[in-house]
Each structure stands twice: as structure tokens, then as C-alpha cells.
Amino acid sequence: FPPRSPASVQQGKPFEPSDPVHPVPLYEAAAAVAFFFLLSWLYRRPRRVTGEVFLVAAMLYAGWRFLIEFVRGDPRPLWLGNLSFSQVVSMAIFAAAVVGLVLRRRGGRGETSLAP
């Protein structure tokens, strides 16, 4: 990153280019595009239960956020040993989405009338 960028300032060299870092915003953009196509495909096919696309979206993003936090370079407080707050929240959201999807599928709710 160029001089005076957050990466170079954080590395203690505000007037020099930063050391190589992961381009996390580019990773996020690529993941968002991939999620769009995957969720669009899921939306177009017949759904077993109402809310299925939303719950899958929550699981996808929570899992992605958990993983991408390992390569972020910004300082943040750690929770539960070596995990960031975002990773702890991601685990909770992922677990809640899985439980929600399992409960909805076991509940025997039919396909939503909003499906194309």
C-alpha cells in the first residue's frame, strides 16, 4: 500500500510504502460476487422451507468472515484465546443459522408461495 495509507501507518512507516499485506477488501469483493451467484441459483430453485436462502446466506457470510479475520492486519482485541470479536460473533451466527435451518426443515413447512 502507498505511503500514508493505514497499512503503512500501522506498520510504523507512515512515509514509506507498507510491507506486503493481504488485500482483504479484494477478497471480500470476490466473496460477495460468489455469494451473489450461489444465492441467486439457490433462490431460483424450489425451496424446501421459507427462509432457506436467508439462512444459507447467514451461514456463508459468517463462515467467510470467520476465515478472513485470520489474514486481517489491523489490531483488535482477542476473545476466547486467539479469536477476534468478529470471529466469536460469526460462530454464534453460523450456529444459529444451522439450528434455524434444521428446525425449519424438521417442522415440515412447505415451499413458500413467493418462489418463482
C-alpha atoms as a PDB file:
ATOM      1  CA  PHE A   1       0.000   0.000   0.000  1.00  0.00           C
ATOM      2  CA  PRO A   2       1.274   3.554  -0.636  1.00  0.00           C
ATOM      3  CA  PRO A   3       2.843   5.890   1.932  1.00  0.00           C
ATOM      4  CA  ARG A   4       0.419   7.421   4.434  1.00  0.00           C
ATOM      5  CA  SER A   5      -2.040   4.552   3.917  1.00  0.00           C
ATOM      6  CA  PRO A   6      -3.500   2.898   7.020  1.00  0.00           C
ATOM      7  CA  ALA A   7      -1.288  -0.146   6.359  1.00  0.00           C
ATOM      8  CA  SER A   8       1.956   1.858   6.283  1.00  0.00           C
ATOM      9  CA  VAL A   9       0.952   3.960   9.312  1.00  0.00           C
ATOM     10  CA  GLN A  10       0.059   0.840  11.299  1.00  0.00           C
ATOM     11  CA  GLN A  11       3.409  -0.715  10.432  1.00  0.00           C
ATOM     12  CA  GLY A  12       5.170   2.374  11.846  1.00  0.00           C
ATOM     13  CA  LYS A  13       6.411   3.626   8.454  1.00  0.00           C
ATOM     14  CA  PRO A  14       3.942   6.372   7.525  1.00  0.00           C
ATOM     15  CA  PHE A  15       6.202   7.914   4.853  1.00  0.00           C
ATOM     16  CA  GLU A  16       7.167   4.639   3.159  1.00  0.00           C
ATOM     17  CA  PRO A  17       5.135   2.049   1.280  1.00  0.00           C
ATOM     18  CA  SER A  18       3.812  -0.662   3.554  1.00  0.00           C
ATOM     19  CA  ASP A  19       5.201  -4.153   3.762  1.00  0.00           C
ATOM     20  CA  PRO A  20       3.166  -6.639   1.723  1.00  0.00           C
ATOM     21  CA  VAL A  21      -0.233  -7.308   3.248  1.00  0.00           C
ATOM     22  CA  HIS A  22      -3.278  -9.300   2.160  1.00  0.00           C
ATOM     23  CA  PRO A  23      -5.717  -7.227   0.059  1.00  0.00           C
ATOM     24  CA  VAL A  24      -8.669  -8.133   2.260  1.00  0.00           C
ATOM     25  CA  PRO A  25     -11.086  -5.706   0.531  1.00  0.00           C
ATOM     26  CA  LEU A  26     -10.474  -7.525  -2.756  1.00  0.00           C
ATOM     27  CA  TYR A  27     -11.074 -10.878  -1.074  1.00  0.00           C
ATOM     28  CA  GLU A  28     -14.313  -9.512   0.379  1.00  0.00           C
ATOM     29  CA  ALA A  29     -15.466  -8.270  -3.035  1.00  0.00           C
ATOM     30  CA  ALA A  30     -14.726 -11.634  -4.654  1.00  0.00           C
ATOM     31  CA  ALA A  31     -16.605 -13.458  -1.900  1.00  0.00           C
ATOM     32  CA  ALA A  32     -19.587 -11.121  -2.257  1.00  0.00           C
ATOM     33  CA  VAL A  33     -19.787 -11.829  -6.003  1.00  0.00           C
ATOM     34  CA  ALA A  34     -19.507 -15.581  -5.398  1.00  0.00           C
ATOM     35  CA  PHE A  35     -22.203 -15.426  -2.706  1.00  0.00           C
ATOM     36  CA  PHE A  36     -24.464 -13.460  -5.076  1.00  0.00           C
ATOM     37  CA  PHE A  37     -24.284 -16.110  -7.781  1.00  0.00           C
ATOM     38  CA  LEU A  38     -24.654 -19.000  -5.347  1.00  0.00           C
ATOM     39  CA  LEU A  39     -27.612 -17.439  -3.554  1.00  0.00           C
ATOM     40  CA  SER A  40     -29.231 -16.416  -6.854  1.00  0.00           C
ATOM     41  CA  TRP A  41     -29.041 -20.030  -8.001  1.00  0.00           C
ATOM     42  CA  LEU A  42     -30.461 -21.205  -4.674  1.00  0.00           C
ATOM     43  CA  TYR A  43     -33.285 -18.666  -4.904  1.00  0.00           C
ATOM     44  CA  ARG A  44     -34.312 -19.821  -8.399  1.00  0.00           C
ATOM     45  CA  ARG A  45     -34.634 -23.475  -7.474  1.00  0.00           C
ATOM     46  CA  PRO A  46     -37.552 -24.793  -5.446  1.00  0.00           C
ATOM     47  CA  ARG A  47     -37.006 -24.208  -1.752  1.00  0.00           C
ATOM     48  CA  ARG A  48     -37.935 -26.732   0.870  1.00  0.00           C
ATOM     49  CA  VAL A  49     -38.734 -24.166   3.553  1.00  0.00           C
ATOM     50  CA  THR A  50     -39.398 -20.447   3.938  1.00  0.00           C
ATOM     51  CA  GLY A  51     -36.242 -18.553   4.884  1.00  0.00           C
ATOM     52  CA  GLU A  52     -33.833 -21.113   3.455  1.00  0.00           C
ATOM     53  CA  VAL A  53     -31.964 -18.608   1.254  1.00  0.00           C
ATOM     54  CA  PHE A  54     -31.566 -16.159   4.130  1.00  0.00           C
ATOM     55  CA  LEU A  55     -30.245 -18.826   6.486  1.00  0.00           C
ATOM     56  CA  VAL A  56     -27.773 -20.110   3.888  1.00  0.00           C
ATOM     57  CA  ALA A  57     -26.627 -16.516   3.291  1.00  0.00           C
ATOM     58  CA  ALA A  58     -26.051 -16.088   7.026  1.00  0.00           C
ATOM     59  CA  MET A  59     -24.029 -19.315   7.158  1.00  0.00           C
ATOM     60  CA  LEU A  60     -21.945 -18.351   4.111  1.00  0.00           C
ATOM     61  CA  TYR A  61     -21.079 -14.890   5.355  1.00  0.00           C
ATOM     62  CA  ALA A  62     -20.423 -15.994   8.929  1.00  0.00           C
ATOM     63  CA  GLY A  63     -18.084 -18.747   7.755  1.00  0.00           C
ATOM     64  CA  TRP A  64     -16.323 -16.390   5.369  1.00  0.00           C
ATOM     65  CA  ARG A  65     -15.933 -13.685   7.998  1.00  0.00           C
ATOM     66  CA  PHE A  66     -14.519 -16.188  10.482  1.00  0.00           C
ATOM     67  CA  LEU A  67     -11.842 -17.241   7.978  1.00  0.00           C
ATOM     68  CA  ILE A  68     -10.936 -13.795   6.617  1.00  0.00           C
ATOM     69  CA  GLU A  69     -10.308 -12.466  10.120  1.00  0.00           C
ATOM     70  CA  PHE A  70      -7.154 -14.604  10.261  1.00  0.00           C
ATOM     71  CA  VAL A  71      -5.456 -12.575   7.491  1.00  0.00           C
ATOM     72  CA  ARG A  72      -6.589  -9.093   8.505  1.00  0.00           C
ATOM     73  CA  GLY A  73      -3.725  -6.976   9.714  1.00  0.00           C
ATOM     74  CA  ASP A  74      -5.494  -4.451  11.894  1.00  0.00           C
ATOM     75  CA  PRO A  75      -5.068  -4.634  15.662  1.00  0.00           C
ATOM     76  CA  ARG A  76      -8.127  -5.803  17.562  1.00  0.00           C
ATOM     77  CA  PRO A  77      -8.810  -7.245  20.987  1.00  0.00           C
ATOM     78  CA  LEU A  78      -8.820 -11.006  21.255  1.00  0.00           C
ATOM     79  CA  TRP A  79     -11.587 -13.101  22.778  1.00  0.00           C
ATOM     80  CA  LEU A  80     -11.665 -16.745  23.815  1.00  0.00           C
ATOM     81  CA  GLY A  81      -7.926 -17.098  23.484  1.00  0.00           C
ATOM     82  CA  ASN A  82      -6.884 -16.124  19.973  1.00  0.00           C
ATOM     83  CA  LEU A  83     -10.156 -15.169  18.245  1.00  0.00           C
ATOM     84  CA  SER A  84     -11.383 -11.690  17.357  1.00  0.00           C
ATOM     85  CA  PHE A  85     -14.782 -10.395  18.387  1.00  0.00           C
ATOM     86  CA  SER A  86     -15.954 -10.781  14.772  1.00  0.00           C
ATOM     87  CA  GLN A  87     -14.966 -14.450  14.816  1.00  0.00           C
ATOM     88  CA  VAL A  88     -16.894 -15.082  18.020  1.00  0.00           C
ATOM     89  CA  VAL A  89     -19.974 -13.348  16.578  1.00  0.00           C
ATOM     90  CA  SER A  90     -19.539 -15.293  13.322  1.00  0.00           C
ATOM     91  CA  MET A  91     -19.530 -18.586  15.199  1.00  0.00           C
ATOM     92  CA  ALA A  92     -22.739 -17.621  17.007  1.00  0.00           C
ATOM     93  CA  ILE A  93     -24.472 -16.531  13.782  1.00  0.00           C
ATOM     94  CA  PHE A  94     -23.350 -19.659  11.930  1.00  0.00           C
ATOM     95  CA  ALA A  95     -24.615 -21.907  14.727  1.00  0.00           C
ATOM     96  CA  ALA A  96     -27.932 -20.033  14.947  1.00  0.00           C
ATOM     97  CA  ALA A  97     -28.430 -20.277  11.166  1.00  0.00           C
ATOM     98  CA  VAL A  98     -27.689 -24.006  11.152  1.00  0.00           C
ATOM     99  CA  VAL A  99     -30.108 -24.592  14.029  1.00  0.00           C
ATOM    100  CA  GLY A 100     -32.740 -22.437  12.309  1.00  0.00           C
ATOM    101  CA  LEU A 101     -32.397 -24.336   9.036  1.00  0.00           C
ATOM    102  CA  VAL A 102     -32.556 -27.732  10.738  1.00  0.00           C
ATOM    103  CA  LEU A 103     -35.609 -26.727  12.799  1.00  0.00           C
ATOM    104  CA  ARG A 104     -37.405 -25.304   9.769  1.00  0.00           C
ATOM    105  CA  ARG A 105     -36.752 -28.434   7.726  1.00  0.00           C
ATOM    106  CA  ARG A 106     -37.878 -30.716  10.549  1.00  0.00           C
ATOM    107  CA  GLY A 107     -41.002 -28.626  11.075  1.00  0.00           C
ATOM    108  CA  GLY A 108     -42.354 -29.807   7.744  1.00  0.00           C
ATOM    109  CA  ARG A 109     -43.156 -26.341   6.438  1.00  0.00           C
ATOM    110  CA  GLY A 110     -43.893 -26.371   2.733  1.00  0.00           C
ATOM    111  CA  GLU A 111     -42.380 -24.318  -0.035  1.00  0.00           C
ATOM    112  CA  THR A 112     -43.115 -20.612   0.134  1.00  0.00           C
ATOM    113  CA  SER A 113     -45.669 -19.102  -2.239  1.00  0.00           C
ATOM    114  CA  LEU A 114     -43.180 -16.308  -3.083  1.00  0.00           C
ATOM    115  CA  ALA A 115     -40.950 -18.662  -5.080  1.00  0.00           C
ATOM    116  CA  PRO A 116     -40.883 -18.000  -8.824  1.00  0.00           C
END
